[in-house]
Amino acid sequence: MRNYNLELFNKINGLVGRNKWLDAFGRSGAEFVVFAMFAWYMVAGWYASGTWLGTAAYFGWLVAAWFFGWLIDLGVGALVREQRPLVGDPLVKPLFLPLMKWKSFPSDHAMTAFLFFFLTSFFGLPMAGGLLILALWVAWGRIYAGVHYPLDIVGGAVVAAFSAWLIFNLSAIL
């Protein structure tokens, strides 16, 4: 039986070391783009609300959604117990060593990146399309860097969608 998850991972991670610009692009997506996404989300919240209080509300919903999503990630990770690719496969070309090696599925970085996109979309904030592009960059970067399989990214995106949907509906009630 073919393992498409592993095959796609190997194709993407196999590019590491061939081009220094591609390596820099991959590492940026894997580690740093989520910080720019946070700034983008906050600016979109300020633009939409026009007040610091409104921006603080969007920040509060983000924190609640992220914390809820992170708890789901940890729970699912503890149940699945999938190690990162670089732990079990000597052929993986890691760009860096992550802090946690015990959990690969679902990806916390992908959950965070897609959470910015989903919250921006659900709340009707401007510029959500740009955040989707950045979330895809993070997703690709995590695979490229050798720290996640493609299905880890999908799992993180699903957790983000659920967490954002739940928090958005909660915000409508409150």
N, C-alpha and C. Protein backbone atom coordinates (compact mmCIF):
# COMPACT_ATOMS: atom_id res chain seq x y z
N MET A 1 0.84 -1.18 0.00
CA MET A 1 0.00 0.00 0.00
C MET A 1 0.89 1.25 0.00
N ARG A 2 0.58 2.18 -0.89
CA ARG A 2 1.37 3.41 -1.01
C ARG A 2 1.05 4.36 0.15
N ASN A 3 2.08 5.00 0.63
CA ASN A 3 1.93 5.99 1.68
C ASN A 3 2.13 7.37 1.05
N TYR A 4 1.01 7.97 0.59
CA TYR A 4 1.09 9.26 -0.08
C TYR A 4 1.58 10.36 0.84
N ASN A 5 1.25 10.26 2.12
CA ASN A 5 1.71 11.24 3.10
C ASN A 5 3.24 11.27 3.14
N LEU A 6 3.84 10.09 3.21
CA LEU A 6 5.30 9.99 3.27
C LEU A 6 5.93 10.37 1.92
N GLU A 7 5.30 9.97 0.83
CA GLU A 7 5.84 10.30 -0.50
C GLU A 7 5.88 11.81 -0.72
N LEU A 8 4.79 12.50 -0.36
CA LEU A 8 4.75 13.96 -0.54
C LEU A 8 5.77 14.62 0.38
N PHE A 9 5.86 14.14 1.62
CA PHE A 9 6.86 14.67 2.54
C PHE A 9 8.26 14.53 1.93
N ASN A 10 8.60 13.36 1.44
CA ASN A 10 9.93 13.12 0.89
C ASN A 10 10.22 14.00 -0.33
N LYS A 11 9.21 14.25 -1.17
CA LYS A 11 9.40 15.12 -2.33
C LYS A 11 9.71 16.55 -1.91
N ILE A 12 8.96 17.03 -0.93
CA ILE A 12 9.16 18.42 -0.49
C ILE A 12 10.45 18.55 0.31
N ASN A 13 10.66 17.69 1.29
CA ASN A 13 11.86 17.77 2.14
C ASN A 13 13.12 17.43 1.35
N GLY A 14 12.99 16.66 0.28
CA GLY A 14 14.14 16.31 -0.55
C GLY A 14 14.75 17.50 -1.25
N LEU A 15 14.06 18.63 -1.28
CA LEU A 15 14.58 19.84 -1.91
C LEU A 15 15.57 20.60 -1.03
N VAL A 16 15.59 20.28 0.26
CA VAL A 16 16.46 20.99 1.20
C VAL A 16 17.92 20.84 0.78
N GLY A 17 18.63 21.96 0.83
CA GLY A 17 20.06 21.96 0.52
C GLY A 17 20.40 22.20 -0.93
N ARG A 18 19.41 22.24 -1.79
CA ARG A 18 19.69 22.43 -3.23
C ARG A 18 19.81 23.90 -3.62
N ASN A 19 19.16 24.77 -2.82
CA ASN A 19 19.15 26.20 -3.15
C ASN A 19 19.06 26.98 -1.84
N LYS A 20 20.02 27.86 -1.60
CA LYS A 20 20.03 28.59 -0.32
C LYS A 20 18.83 29.52 -0.18
N TRP A 21 18.32 30.06 -1.30
CA TRP A 21 17.16 30.95 -1.23
C TRP A 21 15.89 30.17 -0.89
N LEU A 22 15.78 28.98 -1.46
CA LEU A 22 14.62 28.14 -1.15
C LEU A 22 14.69 27.67 0.31
N ASP A 23 15.88 27.36 0.78
CA ASP A 23 16.04 26.99 2.19
C ASP A 23 15.63 28.15 3.11
N ALA A 24 16.05 29.36 2.77
CA ALA A 24 15.68 30.52 3.58
C ALA A 24 14.18 30.76 3.54
N PHE A 25 13.58 30.61 2.37
CA PHE A 25 12.13 30.77 2.22
C PHE A 25 11.39 29.72 3.06
N GLY A 26 11.87 28.48 3.00
CA GLY A 26 11.24 27.40 3.76
C GLY A 26 11.37 27.61 5.26
N ARG A 27 12.54 27.99 5.69
CA ARG A 27 12.73 28.20 7.13
C ARG A 27 11.93 29.40 7.62
N SER A 28 11.85 30.44 6.83
CA SER A 28 11.03 31.60 7.22
C SER A 28 9.58 31.19 7.42
N GLY A 29 9.06 30.41 6.48
CA GLY A 29 7.69 29.94 6.61
C GLY A 29 7.51 29.03 7.81
N ALA A 30 8.49 28.19 8.05
CA ALA A 30 8.39 27.21 9.14
C ALA A 30 8.45 27.85 10.51
N GLU A 31 9.20 28.95 10.65
CA GLU A 31 9.44 29.49 11.98
C GLU A 31 8.93 30.90 12.22
N PHE A 32 9.00 31.78 11.24
CA PHE A 32 8.85 33.20 11.53
C PHE A 32 7.59 33.86 10.99
N VAL A 33 6.99 33.31 9.96
CA VAL A 33 5.85 33.96 9.32
C VAL A 33 4.65 34.10 10.26
N VAL A 34 4.50 33.18 11.22
CA VAL A 34 3.36 33.29 12.15
C VAL A 34 3.40 34.59 12.94
N PHE A 35 4.58 35.15 13.18
CA PHE A 35 4.66 36.42 13.89
C PHE A 35 4.13 37.57 13.03
N ALA A 36 4.43 37.54 11.75
CA ALA A 36 3.88 38.54 10.83
C ALA A 36 2.36 38.37 10.72
N MET A 37 1.89 37.14 10.77
CA MET A 37 0.46 36.89 10.70
C MET A 37 -0.26 37.47 11.93
N PHE A 38 0.37 37.37 13.09
CA PHE A 38 -0.20 37.97 14.29
C PHE A 38 -0.34 39.48 14.11
N ALA A 39 0.72 40.12 13.62
CA ALA A 39 0.67 41.56 13.39
C ALA A 39 -0.42 41.92 12.38
N TRP A 40 -0.53 41.14 11.32
CA TRP A 40 -1.53 41.36 10.29
C TRP A 40 -2.94 41.26 10.89
N TYR A 41 -3.17 40.22 11.70
CA TYR A 41 -4.46 40.02 12.35
C TYR A 41 -4.81 41.21 13.24
N MET A 42 -3.84 41.68 14.02
CA MET A 42 -4.10 42.80 14.92
C MET A 42 -4.38 44.09 14.14
N VAL A 43 -3.65 44.33 13.08
CA VAL A 43 -3.91 45.52 12.26
C VAL A 43 -5.29 45.43 11.61
N ALA A 44 -5.65 44.24 11.13
CA ALA A 44 -6.99 44.06 10.54
C ALA A 44 -8.06 44.30 11.60
N GLY A 45 -7.84 43.85 12.83
CA GLY A 45 -8.80 44.09 13.90
C GLY A 45 -8.91 45.56 14.24
N TRP A 46 -7.79 46.26 14.25
CA TRP A 46 -7.82 47.70 14.52
C TRP A 46 -8.51 48.44 13.38
N TYR A 47 -8.23 48.05 12.16
CA TYR A 47 -8.84 48.70 10.99
C TYR A 47 -10.36 48.50 11.01
N ALA A 48 -10.79 47.29 11.35
CA ALA A 48 -12.23 46.99 11.34
C ALA A 48 -12.97 47.68 12.48
N SER A 49 -12.34 47.76 13.65
CA SER A 49 -13.03 48.32 14.81
C SER A 49 -12.78 49.82 14.96
N GLY A 50 -11.60 50.27 14.56
CA GLY A 50 -11.26 51.68 14.68
C GLY A 50 -10.93 52.13 16.09
N THR A 51 -10.92 51.19 17.03
CA THR A 51 -10.62 51.54 18.42
C THR A 51 -9.66 50.51 19.00
N TRP A 52 -8.95 50.94 20.05
CA TRP A 52 -8.07 50.01 20.74
C TRP A 52 -8.89 48.98 21.53
N LEU A 53 -10.06 49.39 22.01
CA LEU A 53 -10.90 48.45 22.73
C LEU A 53 -11.40 47.34 21.81
N GLY A 54 -11.80 47.71 20.60
CA GLY A 54 -12.22 46.71 19.62
C GLY A 54 -11.09 45.79 19.24
N THR A 55 -9.90 46.36 19.11
CA THR A 55 -8.72 45.54 18.80
C THR A 55 -8.43 44.57 19.93
N ALA A 56 -8.59 45.04 21.16
CA ALA A 56 -8.38 44.17 22.32
C ALA A 56 -9.37 43.02 22.33
N ALA A 57 -10.60 43.27 21.90
CA ALA A 57 -11.59 42.19 21.83
C ALA A 57 -11.17 41.13 20.82
N TYR A 58 -10.70 41.56 19.64
CA TYR A 58 -10.23 40.59 18.65
C TYR A 58 -9.03 39.81 19.19
N PHE A 59 -8.17 40.49 19.94
CA PHE A 59 -7.02 39.82 20.56
C PHE A 59 -7.50 38.78 21.58
N GLY A 60 -8.49 39.14 22.37
CA GLY A 60 -9.03 38.20 23.36
C GLY A 60 -9.63 36.97 22.73
N TRP A 61 -10.37 37.14 21.63
CA TRP A 61 -10.94 35.98 20.94
C TRP A 61 -9.84 35.12 20.34
N LEU A 62 -8.78 35.76 19.85
CA LEU A 62 -7.65 35.02 19.31
C LEU A 62 -6.99 34.17 20.41
N VAL A 63 -6.76 34.77 21.57
CA VAL A 63 -6.13 34.03 22.67
C VAL A 63 -7.00 32.85 23.09
N ALA A 64 -8.30 33.08 23.20
CA ALA A 64 -9.21 32.00 23.60
C ALA A 64 -9.21 30.87 22.56
N ALA A 65 -9.28 31.24 21.29
CA ALA A 65 -9.30 30.22 20.23
C ALA A 65 -7.98 29.47 20.17
N TRP A 66 -6.86 30.19 20.32
CA TRP A 66 -5.57 29.53 20.27
C TRP A 66 -5.40 28.58 21.44
N PHE A 67 -5.76 29.02 22.64
CA PHE A 67 -5.61 28.16 23.81
C PHE A 67 -6.46 26.90 23.68
N PHE A 68 -7.69 27.07 23.22
CA PHE A 68 -8.58 25.92 23.01
C PHE A 68 -8.00 24.98 21.96
N GLY A 69 -7.54 25.54 20.84
CA GLY A 69 -6.93 24.73 19.78
C GLY A 69 -5.68 24.02 20.25
N TRP A 70 -4.86 24.71 21.04
CA TRP A 70 -3.63 24.12 21.55
C TRP A 70 -3.94 22.94 22.47
N LEU A 71 -4.97 23.08 23.31
CA LEU A 71 -5.37 21.96 24.17
C LEU A 71 -5.83 20.76 23.34
N ILE A 72 -6.56 21.02 22.28
CA ILE A 72 -6.98 19.93 21.38
C ILE A 72 -5.75 19.29 20.75
N ASP A 73 -4.82 20.13 20.26
CA ASP A 73 -3.58 19.61 19.66
C ASP A 73 -2.84 18.70 20.63
N LEU A 74 -2.70 19.13 21.86
CA LEU A 74 -1.97 18.32 22.84
C LEU A 74 -2.71 17.02 23.14
N GLY A 75 -4.03 17.10 23.27
CA GLY A 75 -4.82 15.89 23.53
C GLY A 75 -4.74 14.89 22.40
N VAL A 76 -4.92 15.37 21.19
CA VAL A 76 -4.83 14.48 20.02
C VAL A 76 -3.41 13.95 19.88
N GLY A 77 -2.42 14.81 20.09
CA GLY A 77 -1.03 14.38 20.01
C GLY A 77 -0.70 13.30 21.01
N ALA A 78 -1.25 13.42 22.22
CA ALA A 78 -1.01 12.40 23.25
C ALA A 78 -1.66 11.07 22.88
N LEU A 79 -2.79 11.13 22.20
CA LEU A 79 -3.47 9.90 21.77
C LEU A 79 -2.77 9.25 20.58
N VAL A 80 -2.38 10.06 19.61
CA VAL A 80 -1.80 9.54 18.37
C VAL A 80 -0.33 9.14 18.56
N ARG A 81 0.42 9.96 19.26
CA ARG A 81 1.84 9.71 19.55
C ARG A 81 2.68 9.51 18.29
N GLU A 82 2.47 10.34 17.30
CA GLU A 82 3.29 10.28 16.09
C GLU A 82 4.53 11.16 16.28
N GLN A 83 5.70 10.57 16.13
CA GLN A 83 6.94 11.33 16.26
C GLN A 83 7.18 12.15 15.00
N ARG A 84 7.97 13.17 15.16
CA ARG A 84 8.32 14.01 14.02
C ARG A 84 9.14 13.21 13.01
N PRO A 85 9.08 13.61 11.75
CA PRO A 85 9.82 12.87 10.72
C PRO A 85 11.31 12.77 11.01
N LEU A 86 11.90 13.82 11.53
CA LEU A 86 13.34 13.82 11.75
C LEU A 86 13.78 12.89 12.87
N VAL A 87 12.83 12.43 13.69
CA VAL A 87 13.18 11.52 14.78
C VAL A 87 13.37 10.09 14.28
N GLY A 88 12.49 9.64 13.40
CA GLY A 88 12.51 8.25 12.99
C GLY A 88 13.16 7.94 11.67
N ASP A 89 13.50 8.95 10.88
CA ASP A 89 14.01 8.69 9.53
C ASP A 89 15.36 9.39 9.34
N PRO A 90 16.43 8.64 9.19
CA PRO A 90 17.75 9.26 9.02
C PRO A 90 17.92 9.99 7.68
N LEU A 91 17.01 9.78 6.73
CA LEU A 91 17.11 10.44 5.43
C LEU A 91 16.50 11.84 5.42
N VAL A 92 15.79 12.21 6.49
CA VAL A 92 15.18 13.54 6.58
C VAL A 92 16.28 14.58 6.68
N LYS A 93 16.07 15.68 5.95
CA LYS A 93 17.02 16.79 5.96
C LYS A 93 16.42 17.95 6.76
N PRO A 94 16.64 17.98 8.07
CA PRO A 94 16.04 19.05 8.87
C PRO A 94 16.76 20.38 8.67
N LEU A 95 15.98 21.45 8.62
CA LEU A 95 16.57 22.79 8.55
C LEU A 95 16.91 23.30 9.95
N PHE A 96 16.25 22.78 10.96
CA PHE A 96 16.49 23.15 12.34
C PHE A 96 15.92 22.05 13.23
N LEU A 97 16.24 22.08 14.50
CA LEU A 97 15.70 21.11 15.44
C LEU A 97 14.61 21.77 16.27
N PRO A 98 13.40 21.22 16.23
CA PRO A 98 12.30 21.82 17.00
C PRO A 98 12.47 21.57 18.50
N LEU A 99 11.78 22.37 19.29
CA LEU A 99 11.86 22.22 20.74
C LEU A 99 11.25 20.91 21.22
N MET A 100 10.08 20.57 20.68
CA MET A 100 9.39 19.34 21.07
C MET A 100 9.56 18.31 19.97
N LYS A 101 9.95 17.11 20.34
CA LYS A 101 10.11 16.05 19.35
C LYS A 101 9.08 14.94 19.52
N TRP A 102 8.33 14.97 20.59
CA TRP A 102 7.42 13.86 20.90
C TRP A 102 6.14 13.89 20.07
N LYS A 103 5.79 15.05 19.49
CA LYS A 103 4.50 15.16 18.82
C LYS A 103 4.65 15.80 17.45
N SER A 104 4.06 15.13 16.48
CA SER A 104 4.04 15.68 15.13
C SER A 104 2.62 16.01 14.70
N PHE A 105 1.67 15.15 15.06
CA PHE A 105 0.27 15.32 14.64
C PHE A 105 -0.58 15.75 15.82
N PRO A 106 -1.37 16.79 15.64
CA PRO A 106 -1.41 17.79 14.57
C PRO A 106 -0.36 18.89 14.79
N SER A 107 -0.08 19.62 13.75
CA SER A 107 0.93 20.67 13.81
C SER A 107 0.40 21.90 14.55
N ASP A 108 1.11 22.30 15.60
CA ASP A 108 0.73 23.51 16.34
C ASP A 108 0.94 24.77 15.50
N HIS A 109 2.01 24.80 14.72
CA HIS A 109 2.27 25.97 13.88
C HIS A 109 1.19 26.11 12.80
N ALA A 110 0.80 25.00 12.20
CA ALA A 110 -0.26 25.06 11.19
C ALA A 110 -1.57 25.47 11.84
N MET A 111 -1.85 24.95 13.03
CA MET A 111 -3.07 25.35 13.74
C MET A 111 -3.06 26.86 13.98
N THR A 112 -1.94 27.38 14.42
CA THR A 112 -1.84 28.82 14.70
C THR A 112 -2.00 29.64 13.42
N ALA A 113 -1.31 29.25 12.37
CA ALA A 113 -1.37 30.00 11.11
C ALA A 113 -2.79 29.99 10.52
N PHE A 114 -3.41 28.82 10.48
CA PHE A 114 -4.76 28.75 9.93
C PHE A 114 -5.79 29.38 10.86
N LEU A 115 -5.49 29.44 12.14
CA LEU A 115 -6.38 30.11 13.08
C LEU A 115 -6.47 31.59 12.76
N PHE A 116 -5.35 32.22 12.43
CA PHE A 116 -5.39 33.62 12.02
C PHE A 116 -6.30 33.80 10.81
N PHE A 117 -6.14 32.93 9.83
CA PHE A 117 -6.97 33.02 8.63
C PHE A 117 -8.45 32.82 8.94
N PHE A 118 -8.78 31.74 9.67
CA PHE A 118 -10.19 31.45 9.94
C PHE A 118 -10.84 32.52 10.80
N LEU A 119 -10.16 33.00 11.82
CA LEU A 119 -10.75 34.05 12.65
C LEU A 119 -10.97 35.33 11.84
N THR A 120 -10.00 35.69 11.02
CA THR A 120 -10.15 36.87 10.18
C THR A 120 -11.33 36.71 9.24
N SER A 121 -11.49 35.53 8.68
CA SER A 121 -12.61 35.26 7.77
C SER A 121 -13.95 35.29 8.51
N PHE A 122 -14.03 34.57 9.62
CA PHE A 122 -15.30 34.49 10.36
C PHE A 122 -15.74 35.85 10.89
N PHE A 123 -14.79 36.65 11.39
CA PHE A 123 -15.14 37.96 11.92
C PHE A 123 -15.32 39.01 10.83
N GLY A 124 -15.06 38.63 9.59
CA GLY A 124 -15.24 39.57 8.48
C GLY A 124 -14.20 40.67 8.46
N LEU A 125 -13.03 40.39 8.98
CA LEU A 125 -11.96 41.39 8.99
C LEU A 125 -11.37 41.49 7.58
N PRO A 126 -10.79 42.63 7.25
CA PRO A 126 -10.23 42.79 5.90
C PRO A 126 -8.95 41.98 5.71
N MET A 127 -8.67 41.67 4.50
CA MET A 127 -7.41 41.07 4.06
C MET A 127 -7.24 39.61 4.46
N ALA A 128 -8.31 38.86 4.58
CA ALA A 128 -8.22 37.45 4.97
C ALA A 128 -7.49 36.62 3.91
N GLY A 129 -7.65 36.97 2.65
CA GLY A 129 -6.99 36.22 1.58
C GLY A 129 -5.47 36.20 1.71
N GLY A 130 -4.91 37.31 2.11
CA GLY A 130 -3.46 37.37 2.33
C GLY A 130 -3.01 36.45 3.44
N LEU A 131 -3.85 36.33 4.47
CA LEU A 131 -3.51 35.43 5.57
C LEU A 131 -3.58 33.97 5.14
N LEU A 132 -4.45 33.66 4.21
CA LEU A 132 -4.49 32.29 3.68
C LEU A 132 -3.19 31.97 2.96
N ILE A 133 -2.69 32.90 2.18
CA ILE A 133 -1.43 32.69 1.48
C ILE A 133 -0.29 32.47 2.47
N LEU A 134 -0.27 33.28 3.53
CA LEU A 134 0.77 33.13 4.55
C LEU A 134 0.62 31.81 5.30
N ALA A 135 -0.62 31.39 5.57
CA ALA A 135 -0.84 30.11 6.25
C ALA A 135 -0.33 28.95 5.39
N LEU A 136 -0.55 29.04 4.10
CA LEU A 136 -0.04 28.00 3.19
C LEU A 136 1.49 28.01 3.16
N TRP A 137 2.08 29.18 3.27
CA TRP A 137 3.54 29.28 3.34
C TRP A 137 4.05 28.58 4.60
N VAL A 138 3.39 28.84 5.73
CA VAL A 138 3.76 28.17 6.98
C VAL A 138 3.63 26.66 6.82
N ALA A 139 2.51 26.22 6.25
CA ALA A 139 2.26 24.79 6.08
C ALA A 139 3.36 24.14 5.24
N TRP A 140 3.65 24.74 4.10
CA TRP A 140 4.70 24.21 3.23
C TRP A 140 6.05 24.25 3.93
N GLY A 141 6.34 25.33 4.64
CA GLY A 141 7.61 25.48 5.33
C GLY A 141 7.83 24.42 6.39
N ARG A 142 6.77 24.04 7.11
CA ARG A 142 6.91 23.01 8.14
C ARG A 142 7.26 21.65 7.53
N ILE A 143 6.70 21.36 6.37
CA ILE A 143 7.04 20.11 5.68
C ILE A 143 8.45 20.21 5.11
N TYR A 144 8.73 21.31 4.44
CA TYR A 144 10.04 21.52 3.83
C TYR A 144 11.15 21.40 4.86
N ALA A 145 10.94 21.96 6.05
CA ALA A 145 11.96 21.95 7.10
C ALA A 145 12.15 20.58 7.73
N GLY A 146 11.27 19.64 7.41
CA GLY A 146 11.42 18.28 7.91
C GLY A 146 10.85 18.05 9.29
N VAL A 147 9.96 18.94 9.74
CA VAL A 147 9.43 18.79 11.10
C VAL A 147 7.98 18.29 11.13
N HIS A 148 7.31 18.22 9.97
CA HIS A 148 5.93 17.72 9.92
C HIS A 148 5.64 17.01 8.61
N TYR A 149 4.77 16.03 8.71
CA TYR A 149 4.22 15.38 7.52
C TYR A 149 3.03 16.20 7.01
N PRO A 150 2.65 16.04 5.74
CA PRO A 150 1.50 16.78 5.21
C PRO A 150 0.21 16.58 6.01
N LEU A 151 -0.07 15.37 6.46
CA LEU A 151 -1.30 15.16 7.24
C LEU A 151 -1.26 15.83 8.60
N ASP A 152 -0.07 16.10 9.13
CA ASP A 152 0.04 16.87 10.37
C ASP A 152 -0.48 18.29 10.15
N ILE A 153 -0.19 18.82 8.96
CA ILE A 153 -0.64 20.16 8.60
C ILE A 153 -2.15 20.18 8.46
N VAL A 154 -2.69 19.18 7.78
CA VAL A 154 -4.14 19.09 7.61
C VAL A 154 -4.82 19.00 8.98
N GLY A 155 -4.26 18.19 9.87
CA GLY A 155 -4.81 18.07 11.22
C GLY A 155 -4.80 19.40 11.94
N GLY A 156 -3.72 20.15 11.83
CA GLY A 156 -3.65 21.47 12.46
C GLY A 156 -4.68 22.44 11.88
N ALA A 157 -4.87 22.38 10.56
CA ALA A 157 -5.86 23.26 9.92
C ALA A 157 -7.28 22.90 10.35
N VAL A 158 -7.57 21.62 10.51
CA VAL A 158 -8.90 21.20 10.96
C VAL A 158 -9.15 21.66 12.39
N VAL A 159 -8.16 21.51 13.25
CA VAL A 159 -8.30 21.98 14.63
C VAL A 159 -8.52 23.50 14.64
N ALA A 160 -7.79 24.23 13.81
CA ALA A 160 -7.95 25.68 13.72
C ALA A 160 -9.35 26.06 13.27
N ALA A 161 -9.86 25.37 12.26
CA ALA A 161 -11.21 25.67 11.76
C ALA A 161 -12.25 25.43 12.85
N PHE A 162 -12.12 24.32 13.57
CA PHE A 162 -13.07 24.02 14.64
C PHE A 162 -12.98 25.03 15.77
N SER A 163 -11.77 25.33 16.19
CA SER A 163 -11.57 26.27 17.29
C SER A 163 -12.07 27.67 16.92
N ALA A 164 -11.76 28.13 15.71
CA ALA A 164 -12.22 29.44 15.27
C ALA A 164 -13.73 29.48 15.15
N TRP A 165 -14.32 28.42 14.62
CA TRP A 165 -15.78 28.36 14.49
C TRP A 165 -16.44 28.42 15.87
N LEU A 166 -15.91 27.65 16.80
CA LEU A 166 -16.48 27.62 18.15
C LEU A 166 -16.37 28.99 18.83
N ILE A 167 -15.22 29.61 18.76
CA ILE A 167 -15.01 30.92 19.39
C ILE A 167 -15.84 31.99 18.71
N PHE A 168 -15.94 31.93 17.39
CA PHE A 168 -16.77 32.91 16.67
C PHE A 168 -18.23 32.80 17.10
N ASN A 169 -18.73 31.58 17.20
CA ASN A 169 -20.12 31.40 17.64
C ASN A 169 -20.30 31.81 19.09
N LEU A 170 -19.31 31.57 19.92
CA LEU A 170 -19.36 32.01 21.30
C LEU A 170 -19.38 33.52 21.38
N SER A 171 -18.60 34.17 20.54
CA SER A 171 -18.56 35.65 20.53
C SER A 171 -19.90 36.24 20.12
N ALA A 172 -20.63 35.53 19.26
CA ALA A 172 -21.95 36.01 18.82
C ALA A 172 -22.97 35.92 19.95
N ILE A 173 -22.79 34.92 20.82
CA ILE A 173 -23.71 34.75 21.95
C ILE A 173 -23.44 35.80 23.02
N LEU A 174 -22.16 36.05 23.28
CA LEU A 174 -21.78 37.01 24.31
C LEU A 174 -21.86 38.38 23.74
